mmCIF file of all heavy atoms, coordinates in Angstrom:
data_MODEL
# 
_entry.id   MODEL 
# 
loop_
_atom_site.group_PDB 
_atom_site.id 
_atom_site.type_symbol 
_atom_site.label_atom_id 
_atom_site.label_alt_id 
_atom_site.label_comp_id 
_atom_site.label_asym_id 
_atom_site.label_entity_id 
_atom_site.label_seq_id 
_atom_site.pdbx_PDB_ins_code 
_atom_site.Cartn_x 
_atom_site.Cartn_y 
_atom_site.Cartn_z 
_atom_site.occupancy 
_atom_site.B_iso_or_equiv 
_atom_site.pdbx_formal_charge 
_atom_site.auth_seq_id 
_atom_site.auth_comp_id 
_atom_site.auth_asym_id 
_atom_site.auth_atom_id 
_atom_site.pdbx_PDB_model_num 
ATOM 1   N N   . TRP A 1 1  ? 129.224 111.530 139.636 1.00 0.00 ? 1  TRP A N   1 
ATOM 2   C CA  . TRP A 1 1  ? 128.371 112.092 138.584 1.00 0.00 ? 1  TRP A CA  1 
ATOM 3   C C   . TRP A 1 1  ? 128.628 113.579 138.418 1.00 0.00 ? 1  TRP A C   1 
ATOM 4   O O   . TRP A 1 1  ? 128.715 114.083 137.284 1.00 0.00 ? 1  TRP A O   1 
ATOM 5   C CB  . TRP A 1 1  ? 126.911 111.826 138.945 1.00 0.00 ? 1  TRP A CB  1 
ATOM 6   C CG  . TRP A 1 1  ? 125.919 112.396 137.971 1.00 0.00 ? 1  TRP A CG  1 
ATOM 7   C CD1 . TRP A 1 1  ? 125.409 111.772 136.864 1.00 0.00 ? 1  TRP A CD1 1 
ATOM 8   C CD2 . TRP A 1 1  ? 125.313 113.685 138.018 1.00 0.00 ? 1  TRP A CD2 1 
ATOM 9   N NE1 . TRP A 1 1  ? 124.526 112.601 136.222 1.00 0.00 ? 1  TRP A NE1 1 
ATOM 10  C CE2 . TRP A 1 1  ? 124.454 113.787 136.915 1.00 0.00 ? 1  TRP A CE2 1 
ATOM 11  C CE3 . TRP A 1 1  ? 125.423 114.770 138.893 1.00 0.00 ? 1  TRP A CE3 1 
ATOM 12  C CZ2 . TRP A 1 1  ? 123.700 114.929 136.656 1.00 0.00 ? 1  TRP A CZ2 1 
ATOM 13  C CZ3 . TRP A 1 1  ? 124.681 115.914 138.627 1.00 0.00 ? 1  TRP A CZ3 1 
ATOM 14  C CH2 . TRP A 1 1  ? 123.827 115.983 137.525 1.00 0.00 ? 1  TRP A CH2 1 
ATOM 15  N N   . VAL A 1 2  ? 128.758 114.303 139.524 1.00 0.00 ? 2  VAL A N   1 
ATOM 16  C CA  . VAL A 1 2  ? 129.057 115.741 139.470 1.00 0.00 ? 2  VAL A CA  1 
ATOM 17  C C   . VAL A 1 2  ? 130.382 115.980 138.754 1.00 0.00 ? 2  VAL A C   1 
ATOM 18  O O   . VAL A 1 2  ? 130.507 116.860 137.896 1.00 0.00 ? 2  VAL A O   1 
ATOM 19  C CB  . VAL A 1 2  ? 129.100 116.349 140.884 1.00 0.00 ? 2  VAL A CB  1 
ATOM 20  C CG1 . VAL A 1 2  ? 129.712 117.754 140.870 1.00 0.00 ? 2  VAL A CG1 1 
ATOM 21  C CG2 . VAL A 1 2  ? 127.702 116.405 141.487 1.00 0.00 ? 2  VAL A CG2 1 
ATOM 22  N N   . GLY A 1 3  ? 131.395 115.171 139.101 1.00 0.00 ? 3  GLY A N   1 
ATOM 23  C CA  . GLY A 1 3  ? 132.693 115.331 138.467 1.00 0.00 ? 3  GLY A CA  1 
ATOM 24  C C   . GLY A 1 3  ? 132.626 115.155 136.968 1.00 0.00 ? 3  GLY A C   1 
ATOM 25  O O   . GLY A 1 3  ? 133.217 115.925 136.202 1.00 0.00 ? 3  GLY A O   1 
ATOM 26  N N   . ALA A 1 4  ? 131.903 114.119 136.518 1.00 0.00 ? 4  ALA A N   1 
ATOM 27  C CA  . ALA A 1 4  ? 131.781 113.871 135.085 1.00 0.00 ? 4  ALA A CA  1 
ATOM 28  C C   . ALA A 1 4  ? 130.991 114.981 134.401 1.00 0.00 ? 4  ALA A C   1 
ATOM 29  O O   . ALA A 1 4  ? 131.375 115.474 133.330 1.00 0.00 ? 4  ALA A O   1 
ATOM 30  C CB  . ALA A 1 4  ? 131.106 112.513 134.855 1.00 0.00 ? 4  ALA A CB  1 
ATOM 31  N N   . PHE A 1 5  ? 129.891 115.402 135.015 1.00 0.00 ? 5  PHE A N   1 
ATOM 32  C CA  . PHE A 1 5  ? 129.031 116.433 134.424 1.00 0.00 ? 5  PHE A CA  1 
ATOM 33  C C   . PHE A 1 5  ? 129.775 117.762 134.307 1.00 0.00 ? 5  PHE A C   1 
ATOM 34  O O   . PHE A 1 5  ? 129.760 118.430 133.260 1.00 0.00 ? 5  PHE A O   1 
ATOM 35  C CB  . PHE A 1 5  ? 127.774 116.586 135.276 1.00 0.00 ? 5  PHE A CB  1 
ATOM 36  C CG  . PHE A 1 5  ? 126.745 117.520 134.697 1.00 0.00 ? 5  PHE A CG  1 
ATOM 37  C CD1 . PHE A 1 5  ? 126.157 117.244 133.480 1.00 0.00 ? 5  PHE A CD1 1 
ATOM 38  C CD2 . PHE A 1 5  ? 126.364 118.664 135.379 1.00 0.00 ? 5  PHE A CD2 1 
ATOM 39  C CE1 . PHE A 1 5  ? 125.204 118.102 132.937 1.00 0.00 ? 5  PHE A CE1 1 
ATOM 40  C CE2 . PHE A 1 5  ? 125.415 119.520 134.853 1.00 0.00 ? 5  PHE A CE2 1 
ATOM 41  C CZ  . PHE A 1 5  ? 124.823 119.236 133.628 1.00 0.00 ? 5  PHE A CZ  1 
ATOM 42  N N   . VAL A 1 6  ? 130.469 118.147 135.374 1.00 0.00 ? 6  VAL A N   1 
ATOM 43  C CA  . VAL A 1 6  ? 131.230 119.395 135.368 1.00 0.00 ? 6  VAL A CA  1 
ATOM 44  C C   . VAL A 1 6  ? 132.360 119.323 134.340 1.00 0.00 ? 6  VAL A C   1 
ATOM 45  O O   . VAL A 1 6  ? 132.642 120.306 133.644 1.00 0.00 ? 6  VAL A O   1 
ATOM 46  C CB  . VAL A 1 6  ? 131.788 119.684 136.778 1.00 0.00 ? 6  VAL A CB  1 
ATOM 47  C CG1 . VAL A 1 6  ? 132.851 120.783 136.745 1.00 0.00 ? 6  VAL A CG1 1 
ATOM 48  C CG2 . VAL A 1 6  ? 130.658 120.087 137.721 1.00 0.00 ? 6  VAL A CG2 1 
ATOM 49  N N   . THR A 1 7  ? 132.988 118.161 134.227 1.00 0.00 ? 7  THR A N   1 
ATOM 50  C CA  . THR A 1 7  ? 134.062 117.999 133.257 1.00 0.00 ? 7  THR A CA  1 
ATOM 51  C C   . THR A 1 7  ? 133.551 118.200 131.838 1.00 0.00 ? 7  THR A C   1 
ATOM 52  O O   . THR A 1 7  ? 134.170 118.908 131.029 1.00 0.00 ? 7  THR A O   1 
ATOM 53  C CB  . THR A 1 7  ? 134.710 116.612 133.387 1.00 0.00 ? 7  THR A CB  1 
ATOM 54  O OG1 . THR A 1 7  ? 135.333 116.503 134.666 1.00 0.00 ? 7  THR A OG1 1 
ATOM 55  C CG2 . THR A 1 7  ? 135.750 116.389 132.297 1.00 0.00 ? 7  THR A CG2 1 
ATOM 56  N N   . PHE A 1 8  ? 132.419 117.581 131.520 1.00 0.00 ? 8  PHE A N   1 
ATOM 57  C CA  . PHE A 1 8  ? 131.878 117.736 130.171 1.00 0.00 ? 8  PHE A CA  1 
ATOM 58  C C   . PHE A 1 8  ? 131.566 119.197 129.871 1.00 0.00 ? 8  PHE A C   1 
ATOM 59  O O   . PHE A 1 8  ? 131.949 119.716 128.811 1.00 0.00 ? 8  PHE A O   1 
ATOM 60  C CB  . PHE A 1 8  ? 130.613 116.894 129.988 1.00 0.00 ? 8  PHE A CB  1 
ATOM 61  C CG  . PHE A 1 8  ? 129.896 117.211 128.704 1.00 0.00 ? 8  PHE A CG  1 
ATOM 62  C CD1 . PHE A 1 8  ? 130.412 116.767 127.490 1.00 0.00 ? 8  PHE A CD1 1 
ATOM 63  C CD2 . PHE A 1 8  ? 128.742 117.976 128.705 1.00 0.00 ? 8  PHE A CD2 1 
ATOM 64  C CE1 . PHE A 1 8  ? 129.777 117.084 126.298 1.00 0.00 ? 8  PHE A CE1 1 
ATOM 65  C CE2 . PHE A 1 8  ? 128.102 118.298 127.513 1.00 0.00 ? 8  PHE A CE2 1 
ATOM 66  C CZ  . PHE A 1 8  ? 128.615 117.847 126.310 1.00 0.00 ? 8  PHE A CZ  1 
ATOM 67  N N   . LEU A 1 9  ? 130.879 119.865 130.782 1.00 0.00 ? 9  LEU A N   1 
ATOM 68  C CA  . LEU A 1 9  ? 130.519 121.256 130.535 1.00 0.00 ? 9  LEU A CA  1 
ATOM 69  C C   . LEU A 1 9  ? 131.756 122.135 130.395 1.00 0.00 ? 9  LEU A C   1 
ATOM 70  O O   . LEU A 1 9  ? 131.826 123.012 129.529 1.00 0.00 ? 9  LEU A O   1 
ATOM 71  C CB  . LEU A 1 9  ? 129.622 121.779 131.661 1.00 0.00 ? 9  LEU A CB  1 
ATOM 72  C CG  . LEU A 1 9  ? 128.237 121.146 131.766 1.00 0.00 ? 9  LEU A CG  1 
ATOM 73  C CD1 . LEU A 1 9  ? 127.474 121.733 132.943 1.00 0.00 ? 9  LEU A CD1 1 
ATOM 74  C CD2 . LEU A 1 9  ? 127.448 121.326 130.472 1.00 0.00 ? 9  LEU A CD2 1 
ATOM 75  N N   . ASN A 1 10 ? 132.749 121.901 131.257 1.00 0.00 ? 10 ASN A N   1 
ATOM 76  C CA  . ASN A 1 10 ? 133.956 122.712 131.195 1.00 0.00 ? 10 ASN A CA  1 
ATOM 77  C C   . ASN A 1 10 ? 134.764 122.458 129.934 1.00 0.00 ? 10 ASN A C   1 
ATOM 78  O O   . ASN A 1 10 ? 135.533 123.324 129.502 1.00 0.00 ? 10 ASN A O   1 
ATOM 79  C CB  . ASN A 1 10 ? 134.835 122.455 132.425 1.00 0.00 ? 10 ASN A CB  1 
ATOM 80  C CG  . ASN A 1 10 ? 134.488 123.361 133.579 1.00 0.00 ? 10 ASN A CG  1 
ATOM 81  O OD1 . ASN A 1 10 ? 134.735 124.558 133.551 1.00 0.00 ? 10 ASN A OD1 1 
ATOM 82  N ND2 . ASN A 1 10 ? 133.889 122.795 134.617 1.00 0.00 ? 10 ASN A ND2 1 
ATOM 83  N N   . LEU A 1 11 ? 134.629 121.272 129.342 1.00 0.00 ? 11 LEU A N   1 
ATOM 84  C CA  . LEU A 1 11 ? 135.402 120.950 128.148 1.00 0.00 ? 11 LEU A CA  1 
ATOM 85  C C   . LEU A 1 11 ? 134.702 121.370 126.851 1.00 0.00 ? 11 LEU A C   1 
ATOM 86  O O   . LEU A 1 11 ? 135.219 121.110 125.760 1.00 0.00 ? 11 LEU A O   1 
ATOM 87  C CB  . LEU A 1 11 ? 135.718 119.454 128.109 1.00 0.00 ? 11 LEU A CB  1 
ATOM 88  C CG  . LEU A 1 11 ? 136.829 119.023 129.070 1.00 0.00 ? 11 LEU A CG  1 
ATOM 89  C CD1 . LEU A 1 11 ? 137.027 117.509 129.032 1.00 0.00 ? 11 LEU A CD1 1 
ATOM 90  C CD2 . LEU A 1 11 ? 138.147 119.727 128.744 1.00 0.00 ? 11 LEU A CD2 1 
ATOM 91  N N   . LEU A 1 12 ? 133.566 122.038 126.961 1.00 0.00 ? 12 LEU A N   1 
ATOM 92  C CA  . LEU A 1 12 ? 132.981 122.622 125.754 1.00 0.00 ? 12 LEU A CA  1 
ATOM 93  C C   . LEU A 1 12 ? 133.977 123.647 125.207 1.00 0.00 ? 12 LEU A C   1 
ATOM 94  O O   . LEU A 1 12 ? 134.446 124.524 125.939 1.00 0.00 ? 12 LEU A O   1 
ATOM 95  C CB  . LEU A 1 12 ? 131.643 123.288 126.079 1.00 0.00 ? 12 LEU A CB  1 
ATOM 96  C CG  . LEU A 1 12 ? 130.496 122.344 126.467 1.00 0.00 ? 12 LEU A CG  1 
ATOM 97  C CD1 . LEU A 1 12 ? 129.280 123.142 126.920 1.00 0.00 ? 12 LEU A CD1 1 
ATOM 98  C CD2 . LEU A 1 12 ? 130.128 121.430 125.302 1.00 0.00 ? 12 LEU A CD2 1 
ATOM 99  N N   . PRO A 1 13 ? 134.337 123.565 123.930 1.00 0.00 ? 13 PRO A N   1 
ATOM 100 C CA  . PRO A 1 13 ? 135.410 124.406 123.384 1.00 0.00 ? 13 PRO A CA  1 
ATOM 101 C C   . PRO A 1 13 ? 134.959 125.834 123.067 1.00 0.00 ? 13 PRO A C   1 
ATOM 102 O O   . PRO A 1 13 ? 134.945 126.264 121.904 1.00 0.00 ? 13 PRO A O   1 
ATOM 103 C CB  . PRO A 1 13 ? 135.819 123.649 122.117 1.00 0.00 ? 13 PRO A CB  1 
ATOM 104 C CG  . PRO A 1 13 ? 134.563 122.976 121.679 1.00 0.00 ? 13 PRO A CG  1 
ATOM 105 C CD  . PRO A 1 13 ? 133.834 122.588 122.950 1.00 0.00 ? 13 PRO A CD  1 
ATOM 106 N N   . VAL A 1 14 ? 134.608 126.558 124.116 1.00 0.00 ? 14 VAL A N   1 
ATOM 107 C CA  . VAL A 1 14 ? 134.051 127.894 123.946 1.00 0.00 ? 14 VAL A CA  1 
ATOM 108 C C   . VAL A 1 14 ? 134.692 128.872 124.923 1.00 0.00 ? 14 VAL A C   1 
ATOM 109 O O   . VAL A 1 14 ? 134.839 128.560 126.116 1.00 0.00 ? 14 VAL A O   1 
ATOM 110 C CB  . VAL A 1 14 ? 132.519 127.886 124.177 1.00 0.00 ? 14 VAL A CB  1 
ATOM 111 C CG1 . VAL A 1 14 ? 131.961 129.294 124.084 1.00 0.00 ? 14 VAL A CG1 1 
ATOM 112 C CG2 . VAL A 1 14 ? 131.835 126.988 123.165 1.00 0.00 ? 14 VAL A CG2 1 
ATOM 113 N N   . GLY A 1 15 ? 135.059 130.039 124.433 1.00 0.00 ? 15 GLY A N   1 
ATOM 114 C CA  . GLY A 1 15 ? 135.466 131.152 125.280 1.00 0.00 ? 15 GLY A CA  1 
ATOM 115 C C   . GLY A 1 15 ? 136.487 130.798 126.327 1.00 0.00 ? 15 GLY A C   1 
ATOM 116 O O   . GLY A 1 15 ? 137.527 130.198 126.065 1.00 0.00 ? 15 GLY A O   1 
ATOM 117 N N   . GLN A 1 16 ? 136.167 131.184 127.590 1.00 0.00 ? 16 GLN A N   1 
ATOM 118 C CA  . GLN A 1 16 ? 137.083 131.005 128.708 1.00 0.00 ? 16 GLN A CA  1 
ATOM 119 C C   . GLN A 1 16 ? 136.877 129.687 129.441 1.00 0.00 ? 16 GLN A C   1 
ATOM 120 O O   . GLN A 1 16 ? 137.491 129.468 130.490 1.00 0.00 ? 16 GLN A O   1 
ATOM 121 C CB  . GLN A 1 16 ? 136.909 132.168 129.700 1.00 0.00 ? 16 GLN A CB  1 
ATOM 122 C CG  . GLN A 1 16 ? 137.230 133.534 129.137 1.00 0.00 ? 16 GLN A CG  1 
ATOM 123 C CD  . GLN A 1 16 ? 138.722 133.772 128.985 1.00 0.00 ? 16 GLN A CD  1 
ATOM 124 O OE1 . GLN A 1 16 ? 139.526 133.076 129.586 1.00 0.00 ? 16 GLN A OE1 1 
ATOM 125 N NE2 . GLN A 1 16 ? 139.097 134.755 128.193 1.00 0.00 ? 16 GLN A NE2 1 
ATOM 126 N N   . LEU A 1 17 ? 136.025 128.803 128.915 1.00 0.00 ? 17 LEU A N   1 
ATOM 127 C CA  . LEU A 1 17 ? 135.895 127.479 129.514 1.00 0.00 ? 17 LEU A CA  1 
ATOM 128 C C   . LEU A 1 17 ? 137.192 126.700 129.297 1.00 0.00 ? 17 LEU A C   1 
ATOM 129 O O   . LEU A 1 17 ? 137.994 127.014 128.420 1.00 0.00 ? 17 LEU A O   1 
ATOM 130 C CB  . LEU A 1 17 ? 134.718 126.718 128.900 1.00 0.00 ? 17 LEU A CB  1 
ATOM 131 C CG  . LEU A 1 17 ? 133.318 127.271 129.173 1.00 0.00 ? 17 LEU A CG  1 
ATOM 132 C CD1 . LEU A 1 17 ? 132.274 126.445 128.428 1.00 0.00 ? 17 LEU A CD1 1 
ATOM 133 C CD2 . LEU A 1 17 ? 133.016 127.302 130.656 1.00 0.00 ? 17 LEU A CD2 1 
ATOM 134 N N   . ASP A 1 18 ? 137.400 125.654 130.097 1.00 0.00 ? 18 ASP A N   1 
ATOM 135 C CA  . ASP A 1 18 ? 138.618 124.850 129.963 1.00 0.00 ? 18 ASP A CA  1 
ATOM 136 C C   . ASP A 1 18 ? 138.790 124.336 128.535 1.00 0.00 ? 18 ASP A C   1 
ATOM 137 O O   . ASP A 1 18 ? 139.895 124.349 127.978 1.00 0.00 ? 18 ASP A O   1 
ATOM 138 C CB  . ASP A 1 18 ? 138.581 123.664 130.923 1.00 0.00 ? 18 ASP A CB  1 
ATOM 139 C CG  . ASP A 1 18 ? 138.561 124.099 132.380 1.00 0.00 ? 18 ASP A CG  1 
ATOM 140 O OD1 . ASP A 1 18 ? 138.933 125.264 132.650 1.00 0.00 ? 18 ASP A OD1 1 
ATOM 141 O OD2 . ASP A 1 18 ? 138.176 123.288 133.241 1.00 0.00 ? 18 ASP A OD2 1 
ATOM 142 N N   . GLY A 1 19 ? 137.697 123.864 127.951 1.00 0.00 ? 19 GLY A N   1 
ATOM 143 C CA  . GLY A 1 19 ? 137.765 123.387 126.574 1.00 0.00 ? 19 GLY A CA  1 
ATOM 144 C C   . GLY A 1 19 ? 138.144 124.486 125.607 1.00 0.00 ? 19 GLY A C   1 
ATOM 145 O O   . GLY A 1 19 ? 138.850 124.241 124.619 1.00 0.00 ? 19 GLY A O   1 
ATOM 146 N N   . GLY A 1 20 ? 137.688 125.709 125.885 1.00 0.00 ? 20 GLY A N   1 
ATOM 147 C CA  . GLY A 1 20 ? 138.078 126.842 125.057 1.00 0.00 ? 20 GLY A CA  1 
ATOM 148 C C   . GLY A 1 20 ? 139.570 127.089 125.121 1.00 0.00 ? 20 GLY A C   1 
ATOM 149 O O   . GLY A 1 20 ? 140.231 127.340 124.104 1.00 0.00 ? 20 GLY A O   1 
ATOM 150 N N   . HIS A 1 21 ? 140.143 127.019 126.336 1.00 0.00 ? 21 HIS A N   1 
ATOM 151 C CA  . HIS A 1 21 ? 141.594 127.189 126.488 1.00 0.00 ? 21 HIS A CA  1 
ATOM 152 C C   . HIS A 1 21 ? 142.353 126.088 125.740 1.00 0.00 ? 21 HIS A C   1 
ATOM 153 O O   . HIS A 1 21 ? 143.338 126.352 125.038 1.00 0.00 ? 21 HIS A O   1 
ATOM 154 C CB  . HIS A 1 21 ? 141.979 127.134 127.972 1.00 0.00 ? 21 HIS A CB  1 
ATOM 155 C CG  . HIS A 1 21 ? 141.480 128.294 128.771 1.00 0.00 ? 21 HIS A CG  1 
ATOM 156 N ND1 . HIS A 1 21 ? 141.278 129.546 128.229 1.00 0.00 ? 21 HIS A ND1 1 
ATOM 157 C CD2 . HIS A 1 21 ? 141.156 128.401 130.088 1.00 0.00 ? 21 HIS A CD2 1 
ATOM 158 C CE1 . HIS A 1 21 ? 140.849 130.378 129.171 1.00 0.00 ? 21 HIS A CE1 1 
ATOM 159 N NE2 . HIS A 1 21 ? 140.767 129.694 130.300 1.00 0.00 ? 21 HIS A NE2 1 
ATOM 160 N N   . ILE A 1 22 ? 141.895 124.850 125.916 1.00 0.00 ? 22 ILE A N   1 
ATOM 161 C CA  . ILE A 1 22 ? 142.597 123.715 125.324 1.00 0.00 ? 22 ILE A CA  1 
ATOM 162 C C   . ILE A 1 22 ? 142.573 123.795 123.795 1.00 0.00 ? 22 ILE A C   1 
ATOM 163 O O   . ILE A 1 22 ? 143.607 123.659 123.119 1.00 0.00 ? 22 ILE A O   1 
ATOM 164 C CB  . ILE A 1 22 ? 141.982 122.389 125.803 1.00 0.00 ? 22 ILE A CB  1 
ATOM 165 C CG1 . ILE A 1 22 ? 142.215 122.211 127.306 1.00 0.00 ? 22 ILE A CG1 1 
ATOM 166 C CG2 . ILE A 1 22 ? 142.555 121.207 125.027 1.00 0.00 ? 22 ILE A CG2 1 
ATOM 167 C CD1 . ILE A 1 22 ? 141.408 121.087 127.921 1.00 0.00 ? 22 ILE A CD1 1 
ATOM 168 N N   . VAL A 1 23 ? 141.397 124.022 123.221 1.00 0.00 ? 23 VAL A N   1 
ATOM 169 C CA  . VAL A 1 23 ? 141.262 124.056 121.762 1.00 0.00 ? 23 VAL A CA  1 
ATOM 170 C C   . VAL A 1 23 ? 141.954 125.283 121.180 1.00 0.00 ? 23 VAL A C   1 
ATOM 171 O O   . VAL A 1 23 ? 142.553 125.217 120.100 1.00 0.00 ? 23 VAL A O   1 
ATOM 172 C CB  . VAL A 1 23 ? 139.772 123.991 121.369 1.00 0.00 ? 23 VAL A CB  1 
ATOM 173 C CG1 . VAL A 1 23 ? 139.590 124.188 119.869 1.00 0.00 ? 23 VAL A CG1 1 
ATOM 174 C CG2 . VAL A 1 23 ? 139.181 122.649 121.780 1.00 0.00 ? 23 VAL A CG2 1 
ATOM 175 N N   . ARG A 1 24 ? 141.894 126.418 121.895 1.00 0.00 ? 24 ARG A N   1 
ATOM 176 C CA  . ARG A 1 24 ? 142.626 127.615 121.426 1.00 0.00 ? 24 ARG A CA  1 
ATOM 177 C C   . ARG A 1 24 ? 144.122 127.332 121.378 1.00 0.00 ? 24 ARG A C   1 
ATOM 178 O O   . ARG A 1 24 ? 144.827 127.732 120.438 1.00 0.00 ? 24 ARG A O   1 
ATOM 179 C CB  . ARG A 1 24 ? 142.333 128.795 122.357 1.00 0.00 ? 24 ARG A CB  1 
ATOM 180 C CG  . ARG A 1 24 ? 143.176 130.057 122.087 1.00 0.00 ? 24 ARG A CG  1 
ATOM 181 C CD  . ARG A 1 24 ? 142.882 130.651 120.725 1.00 0.00 ? 24 ARG A CD  1 
ATOM 182 N NE  . ARG A 1 24 ? 143.680 131.834 120.475 1.00 0.00 ? 24 ARG A NE  1 
ATOM 183 C CZ  . ARG A 1 24 ? 144.924 131.824 120.001 1.00 0.00 ? 24 ARG A CZ  1 
ATOM 184 N NH1 . ARG A 1 24 ? 145.520 130.653 119.745 1.00 0.00 ? 24 ARG A NH1 1 
ATOM 185 N NH2 . ARG A 1 24 ? 145.564 132.951 119.768 1.00 0.00 ? 24 ARG A NH2 1 
ATOM 186 N N   . ALA A 1 25 ? 144.635 126.646 122.406 1.00 0.00 ? 25 ALA A N   1 
ATOM 187 C CA  . ALA A 1 25 ? 146.064 126.326 122.437 1.00 0.00 ? 25 ALA A CA  1 
ATOM 188 C C   . ALA A 1 25 ? 146.423 125.298 121.364 1.00 0.00 ? 25 ALA A C   1 
ATOM 189 O O   . ALA A 1 25 ? 147.498 125.369 120.764 1.00 0.00 ? 25 ALA A O   1 
ATOM 190 C CB  . ALA A 1 25 ? 146.448 125.798 123.818 1.00 0.00 ? 25 ALA A CB  1 
ATOM 191 N N   . MET A 1 26 ? 145.540 124.350 121.100 1.00 0.00 ? 26 MET A N   1 
ATOM 192 C CA  . MET A 1 26 ? 145.832 123.289 120.137 1.00 0.00 ? 26 MET A CA  1 
ATOM 193 C C   . MET A 1 26 ? 145.725 123.775 118.693 1.00 0.00 ? 26 MET A C   1 
ATOM 194 O O   . MET A 1 26 ? 146.562 123.428 117.857 1.00 0.00 ? 26 MET A O   1 
ATOM 195 C CB  . MET A 1 26 ? 144.878 122.105 120.354 1.00 0.00 ? 26 MET A CB  1 
ATOM 196 C CG  . MET A 1 26 ? 145.089 121.340 121.643 1.00 0.00 ? 26 MET A CG  1 
ATOM 197 S SD  . MET A 1 26 ? 143.837 120.059 121.907 1.00 0.00 ? 26 MET A SD  1 
ATOM 198 C CE  . MET A 1 26 ? 144.211 118.904 120.579 1.00 0.00 ? 26 MET A CE  1 
ATOM 199 N N   . PHE A 1 27 ? 144.697 124.559 118.390 1.00 0.00 ? 27 PHE A N   1 
ATOM 200 C CA  . PHE A 1 27 ? 144.394 124.887 116.996 1.00 0.00 ? 27 PHE A CA  1 
ATOM 201 C C   . PHE A 1 27 ? 144.527 126.369 116.660 1.00 0.00 ? 27 PHE A C   1 
ATOM 202 O O   . PHE A 1 27 ? 144.195 126.779 115.544 1.00 0.00 ? 27 PHE A O   1 
ATOM 203 C CB  . PHE A 1 27 ? 142.981 124.410 116.646 1.00 0.00 ? 27 PHE A CB  1 
ATOM 204 C CG  . PHE A 1 27 ? 142.785 122.936 116.861 1.00 0.00 ? 27 PHE A CG  1 
ATOM 205 C CD1 . PHE A 1 27 ? 141.990 122.472 117.883 1.00 0.00 ? 27 PHE A CD1 1 
ATOM 206 C CD2 . PHE A 1 27 ? 143.418 122.012 116.042 1.00 0.00 ? 27 PHE A CD2 1 
ATOM 207 C CE1 . PHE A 1 27 ? 141.811 121.107 118.093 1.00 0.00 ? 27 PHE A CE1 1 
ATOM 208 C CE2 . PHE A 1 27 ? 143.244 120.652 116.230 1.00 0.00 ? 27 PHE A CE2 1 
ATOM 209 C CZ  . PHE A 1 27 ? 142.440 120.201 117.258 1.00 0.00 ? 27 PHE A CZ  1 
ATOM 210 N N   . GLY A 1 28 ? 144.997 127.159 117.609 1.00 0.00 ? 28 GLY A N   1 
ATOM 211 C CA  . GLY A 1 28 ? 145.183 128.578 117.324 1.00 0.00 ? 28 GLY A CA  1 
ATOM 212 C C   . GLY A 1 28 ? 143.869 129.277 117.039 1.00 0.00 ? 28 GLY A C   1 
ATOM 213 O O   . GLY A 1 28 ? 142.843 128.978 117.639 1.00 0.00 ? 28 GLY A O   1 
# 
């Protein structure tokens, strides 16, 4: 549960979060 919860929060496409890095790289 911790792994899933942390993954979701980190994949929010904002700032320096993992999701932010991914979406910045994908969509400029």
